[in-house]
Amino acid sequence: MLKTQTKSINILPILAIFGIGLILAIPILLNGTINANDFPLHLRWSKEFSAQFWAGDFYPRWLMKMNAGLGSPIFFFYPPIPYYFTSFFKPLFTNDVEGWYPLALSTLAALVTSGWTAYLWLRTISDRKSALIASILYMVLPYHLGVDLYNRFDFTEYWAFVWMPLILYFSNKIIDGHKSNIIGLAVSYALLAMTHPSTFLIFSLFLIFYILFITVKRQRKKAVLRLLLALILGIGLSAIYWLPALAMQNDVDLDFMSRGHLSYAIDFLFIQTFPSREFLWEYLEIISLLTVGLIWCAFISTRTSSVANFRREANFWSAAAILAIFMTLPLSRPIWEVLLPLQKIQFPWRFSTILTVAITALLALEMSQHSIRIGTKKKFYIGFLLGAGFLIGLIMAVPNKTFTWYLSSVIIVAIAAILIYGISSIRILGSQVKSKYIIIGVLLTASLLSSQVFLIKGGLYKADDPQNSYQQMQKLYKEINKETPEYRPKDVSPKNFEADALVKLSQHQPNAAVTTGQGSLTIQQWEPRKIVLKTSGTTDLLLTLKQFYYPGWTAKIQEKSYPLTVHPSTPEGLIRVGMIPSGNHEVIVTLNTRVEERIGQITSAVSAIIALVLLVWFYRSEQDIAIQ
């Protein structure tokens, strides 16, 4: 690891990264929504999560209005951190009933923050200019921008790109001997765990080897011990999420994600796949091939460095990139079969997250090794290039039908001018550097970035315009807040989870009704995880509530603390409560905090206290050392 030579704060990189992020997010900011695969799903989740959060449910696990108002246990299992950030933007858009713009701003925040954290990390291994350029490239690399945002809209994996560089930054600080950064590493590690478990699992393996490889032998033992302390603390801090998520998996159909077309075994690159997904698979194969060439160029250009730490960084990230690509190939299948937790990652090409981080590091190292002076005239042209890129990005966000012949001609001329300028820049660059591998690397990087244009193009239009059967289906799912199959409670029949069945149940089933017996009821309170009813019966009553049954629902008569039986109705799978004795009663139905939840809460609370105590201790000890 290379130490930075200044600790001064320069606001220009911060503004530059923000500006680039703003340009890249223009389509989603203008439209509020994009036509990406999973955008409608994350929109439904974020909308309901935010609504319950601002209603006082500070960790919304049971989303009451999902599945046409029948409820869903989604956030007992799904990571919550990205949705908290989305919720923070909700008060800015009180009239946005669809929840588009809070999600759009959260996306912008993830993109910009990933650039900032990448810059923070890269400053520890390269010079300032190289770190800035590489952090911008980190934001623009195809898997990060084209695939995860504009094509798939994998919202949680997209947010994971924020925490990985931050973890590496604190890891490097720990290697330098700054004990207080143990807490920073623990917190960022916990945030990654509560953002995207698949990336958390993959990245953890690389992180441990990174510390072992980068640290010099005389410091290795101390660095590893500090790393283990930080990782244990991070796991403890995130226990509020992962412990219930692991312990309750038998309550839903999570195996759905590893069956059929979702099985890891048929999702490797460079094998035949399903026709509906050929484009994405072929694109991922193309960028993998381009990346292999870029890795080779970066490795050749950096291996001759006279700085040992520099060579170690370059060697590690070259090896990490090659291993990441290998894990996406069918050749790696024996490893997947032996390491069973890897199969939970679902798609082998998720290793592209590591590949993106590795390529970013290699580019920063290569630029730092071969710095090139840029004159005032060149800076002017670069400014023109960015401005033209901004205009083209703005125009691309507008539907094609608004393009006139004249406007289309102007766009073509502008693109041609930028291409000509790019070619001349490469020629000028060739006269300034000696290594041919740098020229090849520049060409490969340009190819890698430009290759995602057509991938992004498909996601530039609003997702609420039902032009085909898929969009019509998504429109229906949005109207009824349909959940994905893997989070269906197992006591609910799969047939009742289909869209038409959910609509029928929603329209014909009152929120609460007397199923058996003579009497009436009124709803006093209808909130997530708590329903209060007033019953008046001349006979014993059996009630049915319009919420799916899920383990943990309990009921009692308030004045007598009399427990009532709760079970799923047949065949609907709704909550059934009874029998309630005749007379007037207040019945309280709650989805109780189960043992797994409570242990997770306690573990996270204890870990937070330990982290605070250690932070104060480390800070005071470092202050004492500084005084001495």
Foldseek 3Di string as FASTA:
>chain_A
DAAFDDDDDDCVLLVVLLVLLCLLLVLCQVFLFWQAACRLQVLLVLLQQLVQCVVPPVQDQWRQQFLQRQIFRNQLAAQCVLSVQLSVCCVVCVPPNSSSNSNSVSLSVLLSLLLVLQLLLLSGQFPNVLSSVLSSLLSQFCCQRLNCVQHHVPPLLNSLSNLLSQLNNLLSVVLVPQLLSLLSNLQSLLSNCSRDVLCSVVSVVLVLVLLQQLRDPVSSVVSNVSNVSSPVLNCLQNLLRPLSNVVCLVQFQLCVCCDDLLNQLQQAAPDDHDPVCVVVSVLLVVLLVLLLLLLVLLLVLQCPDPDPSLNSLNVSLSVLLVVLSVQRHNVCVVVCVVPVVNRSSRHSNSSVSSNSSSSSSSSSSNCRSPPDDDDPVRVVVVVVLVVLSSVLSNVLLDDPVPDDPVNVVVNVVSVVVSVVVVVVVLVVVPVGDDDVSVSSSVVSSVCSSVSSPVSNSNTSDHLQDCPDPVSVVSNLCSVSNQDDRRRDGPLADVVCSDSVNSVVCSVPPDQKDWDDAAWDKDWPDDGAFKTKMKIAGPAWTKMWGSYADTPQKWKAFPVVRHTWDWFADPPGRTTMTDRHGHGITMMMIGRDQDPSSVVSVVSSVVSVVVSVVSSVVSVVVVVVVVVD
